[in-house]
Amino acid sequence: NTGIGFVNLINNANYAGVNTVILQINNAPSSWTGYQYRCVVDGSNTSAFTLGFTDYWNGSVNNAWENAANWSCNTIPDANTDVIINSGTVVVNSAALCRSIKVNPSSTVTVNTGFKISVTH
């Protein structure tokens, strides 16, 4: 019994180890933010775990938000990504998106004229 809203998983391109103690999730799109997973152990359901995506600013190439190499996941954040900027200077030259944003007080985020960061959560 999987419970209301839960289905049994099968090993495929996105899931491995579905019948083991470690579920591996591969190449999950950020649109899966909020998906919930739980285990069945000895016939009982465990608490649900909620999938989320976090991208950390590293600014390793330059200060452009739009450069994927400046982010820990090598992807530009989207509406489903929680953003954390612990240090450095970020400059936004686009219509940027993120689910949430945390900026350390020692960091600087500049949004150039005509652009904005839309925070969806």
C-alpha atoms as a PDB file:
ATOM      1  CA  ASN A   1       0.000   0.000   0.000  1.00  0.00           C
ATOM      2  CA  THR A   2       1.594   3.287  -1.113  1.00  0.00           C
ATOM      3  CA  GLY A   3      -0.905   5.609   0.562  1.00  0.00           C
ATOM      4  CA  ILE A   4      -2.878   8.482  -0.913  1.00  0.00           C
ATOM      5  CA  GLY A   5      -0.971  10.298  -3.667  1.00  0.00           C
ATOM      6  CA  PHE A   6       2.099   8.034  -3.567  1.00  0.00           C
ATOM      7  CA  VAL A   7       3.060   5.487  -6.205  1.00  0.00           C
ATOM      8  CA  ASN A   8       5.711   2.797  -6.280  1.00  0.00           C
ATOM      9  CA  LEU A   9       8.782   3.782  -8.273  1.00  0.00           C
ATOM     10  CA  ILE A  10      10.669   1.702 -10.797  1.00  0.00           C
ATOM     11  CA  ASN A  11      14.317   1.947 -11.790  1.00  0.00           C
ATOM     12  CA  ASN A  12      14.596   4.065 -14.935  1.00  0.00           C
ATOM     13  CA  ALA A  13      16.548   7.058 -16.283  1.00  0.00           C
ATOM     14  CA  ASN A  14      15.578   9.169 -13.240  1.00  0.00           C
ATOM     15  CA  TYR A  15      15.533   6.605 -10.424  1.00  0.00           C
ATOM     16  CA  ALA A  16      17.983   3.932  -9.321  1.00  0.00           C
ATOM     17  CA  GLY A  17      17.950   1.756  -6.217  1.00  0.00           C
ATOM     18  CA  VAL A  18      14.193   1.888  -5.757  1.00  0.00           C
ATOM     19  CA  ASN A  19      14.223  -1.364  -3.768  1.00  0.00           C
ATOM     20  CA  THR A  20      17.348  -0.588  -1.735  1.00  0.00           C
ATOM     21  CA  VAL A  21      18.113   1.574   1.297  1.00  0.00           C
ATOM     22  CA  ILE A  22      19.326   4.457  -0.925  1.00  0.00           C
ATOM     23  CA  LEU A  23      17.159   5.994  -3.636  1.00  0.00           C
ATOM     24  CA  GLN A  24      19.237   7.747  -6.271  1.00  0.00           C
ATOM     25  CA  ILE A  25      17.515  10.515  -8.246  1.00  0.00           C
ATOM     26  CA  ASN A  26      19.265  11.412 -11.515  1.00  0.00           C
ATOM     27  CA  ASN A  27      18.792  14.297 -13.938  1.00  0.00           C
ATOM     28  CA  ALA A  28      15.695  15.519 -12.156  1.00  0.00           C
ATOM     29  CA  PRO A  29      14.313  18.732 -13.645  1.00  0.00           C
ATOM     30  CA  SER A  30      13.840  21.596 -11.187  1.00  0.00           C
ATOM     31  CA  SER A  31      10.107  21.413 -11.954  1.00  0.00           C
ATOM     32  CA  TRP A  32      10.128  18.426  -9.577  1.00  0.00           C
ATOM     33  CA  THR A  33      10.541  20.859  -6.659  1.00  0.00           C
ATOM     34  CA  GLY A  34       8.105  19.773  -3.983  1.00  0.00           C
ATOM     35  CA  TYR A  35       7.866  16.132  -5.091  1.00  0.00           C
ATOM     36  CA  GLN A  36       7.627  13.937  -2.015  1.00  0.00           C
ATOM     37  CA  TYR A  37       9.199  10.544  -1.427  1.00  0.00           C
ATOM     38  CA  ARG A  38       8.902   8.045   1.363  1.00  0.00           C
ATOM     39  CA  CYS A  39       9.974   4.509   2.104  1.00  0.00           C
ATOM     40  CA  VAL A  40       7.985   1.470   3.095  1.00  0.00           C
ATOM     41  CA  VAL A  41       9.804  -0.444   5.835  1.00  0.00           C
ATOM     42  CA  ASP A  42       8.308  -3.664   7.175  1.00  0.00           C
ATOM     43  CA  GLY A  43       4.942  -2.624   5.753  1.00  0.00           C
ATOM     44  CA  SER A  44       4.924   0.828   7.366  1.00  0.00           C
ATOM     45  CA  ASN A  45       5.369   4.168   5.609  1.00  0.00           C
ATOM     46  CA  THR A  46       8.139   6.511   6.749  1.00  0.00           C
ATOM     47  CA  SER A  47       7.813  10.276   6.888  1.00  0.00           C
ATOM     48  CA  ALA A  48       7.871  11.983   3.501  1.00  0.00           C
ATOM     49  CA  PHE A  49      11.001  13.692   2.187  1.00  0.00           C
ATOM     50  CA  THR A  50      10.471  16.712  -0.061  1.00  0.00           C
ATOM     51  CA  LEU A  51      12.704  17.336  -3.073  1.00  0.00           C
ATOM     52  CA  GLY A  52      14.197  20.796  -3.466  1.00  0.00           C
ATOM     53  CA  PHE A  53      16.886  22.467  -5.558  1.00  0.00           C
ATOM     54  CA  THR A  54      19.493  24.888  -4.205  1.00  0.00           C
ATOM     55  CA  ASP A  55      22.130  26.710  -6.245  1.00  0.00           C
ATOM     56  CA  TYR A  56      25.045  28.495  -4.559  1.00  0.00           C
ATOM     57  CA  TRP A  57      26.785  31.501  -6.112  1.00  0.00           C
ATOM     58  CA  ASN A  58      30.517  30.917  -6.578  1.00  0.00           C
ATOM     59  CA  GLY A  59      31.308  33.733  -9.034  1.00  0.00           C
ATOM     60  CA  SER A  60      34.196  31.688 -10.384  1.00  0.00           C
ATOM     61  CA  VAL A  61      34.172  33.291 -13.849  1.00  0.00           C
ATOM     62  CA  ASN A  62      32.785  36.816 -13.419  1.00  0.00           C
ATOM     63  CA  ASN A  63      29.943  38.599 -11.630  1.00  0.00           C
ATOM     64  CA  ALA A  64      27.142  37.838 -14.153  1.00  0.00           C
ATOM     65  CA  TRP A  65      24.060  36.069 -12.790  1.00  0.00           C
ATOM     66  CA  GLU A  66      23.451  34.827 -16.355  1.00  0.00           C
ATOM     67  CA  ASN A  67      26.697  32.829 -16.549  1.00  0.00           C
ATOM     68  CA  ALA A  68      25.988  29.210 -15.537  1.00  0.00           C
ATOM     69  CA  ALA A  69      29.661  28.680 -14.607  1.00  0.00           C
ATOM     70  CA  ASN A  70      29.184  31.145 -11.711  1.00  0.00           C
ATOM     71  CA  TRP A  71      26.726  28.749 -10.014  1.00  0.00           C
ATOM     72  CA  SER A  72      27.488  25.584  -8.004  1.00  0.00           C
ATOM     73  CA  CYS A  73      25.239  23.418 -10.180  1.00  0.00           C
ATOM     74  CA  ASN A  74      26.513  24.939 -13.443  1.00  0.00           C
ATOM     75  CA  THR A  75      22.975  26.014 -14.229  1.00  0.00           C
ATOM     76  CA  ILE A  76      21.328  29.413 -14.036  1.00  0.00           C
ATOM     77  CA  PRO A  77      18.671  29.444 -11.305  1.00  0.00           C
ATOM     78  CA  ASP A  78      15.038  29.248 -12.353  1.00  0.00           C
ATOM     79  CA  ALA A  79      11.666  29.710 -10.662  1.00  0.00           C
ATOM     80  CA  ASN A  80      12.105  26.396  -8.777  1.00  0.00           C
ATOM     81  CA  THR A  81      15.622  27.045  -7.444  1.00  0.00           C
ATOM     82  CA  ASP A  82      16.517  28.347  -3.993  1.00  0.00           C
ATOM     83  CA  VAL A  83      19.498  30.714  -4.354  1.00  0.00           C
ATOM     84  CA  ILE A  84      22.174  31.273  -1.727  1.00  0.00           C
ATOM     85  CA  ILE A  85      24.794  33.997  -2.169  1.00  0.00           C
ATOM     86  CA  ASN A  86      27.320  33.679   0.654  1.00  0.00           C
ATOM     87  CA  SER A  87      29.992  35.991  -0.742  1.00  0.00           C
ATOM     88  CA  GLY A  88      30.937  38.100  -3.722  1.00  0.00           C
ATOM     89  CA  THR A  89      29.275  40.522  -6.072  1.00  0.00           C
ATOM     90  CA  VAL A  90      26.442  39.523  -8.399  1.00  0.00           C
ATOM     91  CA  VAL A  91      25.197  41.650 -11.288  1.00  0.00           C
ATOM     92  CA  VAL A  92      21.844  40.874 -12.911  1.00  0.00           C
ATOM     93  CA  ASN A  93      21.494  41.814 -16.594  1.00  0.00           C
ATOM     94  CA  SER A  94      18.340  39.844 -17.381  1.00  0.00           C
ATOM     95  CA  ALA A  95      14.888  38.970 -16.142  1.00  0.00           C
ATOM     96  CA  ALA A  96      16.168  36.591 -13.459  1.00  0.00           C
ATOM     97  CA  LEU A  97      14.083  34.043 -11.575  1.00  0.00           C
ATOM     98  CA  CYS A  98      14.453  32.065  -8.370  1.00  0.00           C
ATOM     99  CA  ARG A  99      12.223  30.329  -5.843  1.00  0.00           C
ATOM    100  CA  SER A 100      13.885  32.098  -2.910  1.00  0.00           C
ATOM    101  CA  ILE A 101      17.069  34.067  -2.333  1.00  0.00           C
ATOM    102  CA  LYS A 102      19.346  34.428   0.696  1.00  0.00           C
ATOM    103  CA  VAL A 103      22.108  37.014   0.474  1.00  0.00           C
ATOM    104  CA  ASN A 104      24.852  37.206   3.098  1.00  0.00           C
ATOM    105  CA  PRO A 105      25.290  40.785   4.395  1.00  0.00           C
ATOM    106  CA  SER A 106      28.865  40.846   3.061  1.00  0.00           C
ATOM    107  CA  SER A 107      27.620  40.169  -0.490  1.00  0.00           C
ATOM    108  CA  THR A 108      26.307  42.602  -3.079  1.00  0.00           C
ATOM    109  CA  VAL A 109      23.554  42.023  -5.633  1.00  0.00           C
ATOM    110  CA  THR A 110      23.085  44.731  -8.251  1.00  0.00           C
ATOM    111  CA  VAL A 111      20.086  44.562 -10.577  1.00  0.00           C
ATOM    112  CA  ASN A 112      20.760  46.778 -13.578  1.00  0.00           C
ATOM    113  CA  THR A 113      18.129  49.189 -14.873  1.00  0.00           C
ATOM    114  CA  GLY A 114      15.347  47.515 -16.841  1.00  0.00           C
ATOM    115  CA  PHE A 115      15.827  44.104 -15.214  1.00  0.00           C
ATOM    116  CA  LYS A 116      14.535  42.380 -12.088  1.00  0.00           C
ATOM    117  CA  ILE A 117      14.767  39.242 -10.000  1.00  0.00           C
ATOM    118  CA  SER A 118      11.383  37.591  -9.607  1.00  0.00           C
ATOM    119  CA  VAL A 119      11.149  35.494  -6.441  1.00  0.00           C
ATOM    120  CA  THR A 120       8.382  32.887  -6.724  1.00  0.00           C
ATOM    121  CA  HIS A 121       8.120  31.687  -3.117  1.00  0.00           C
END
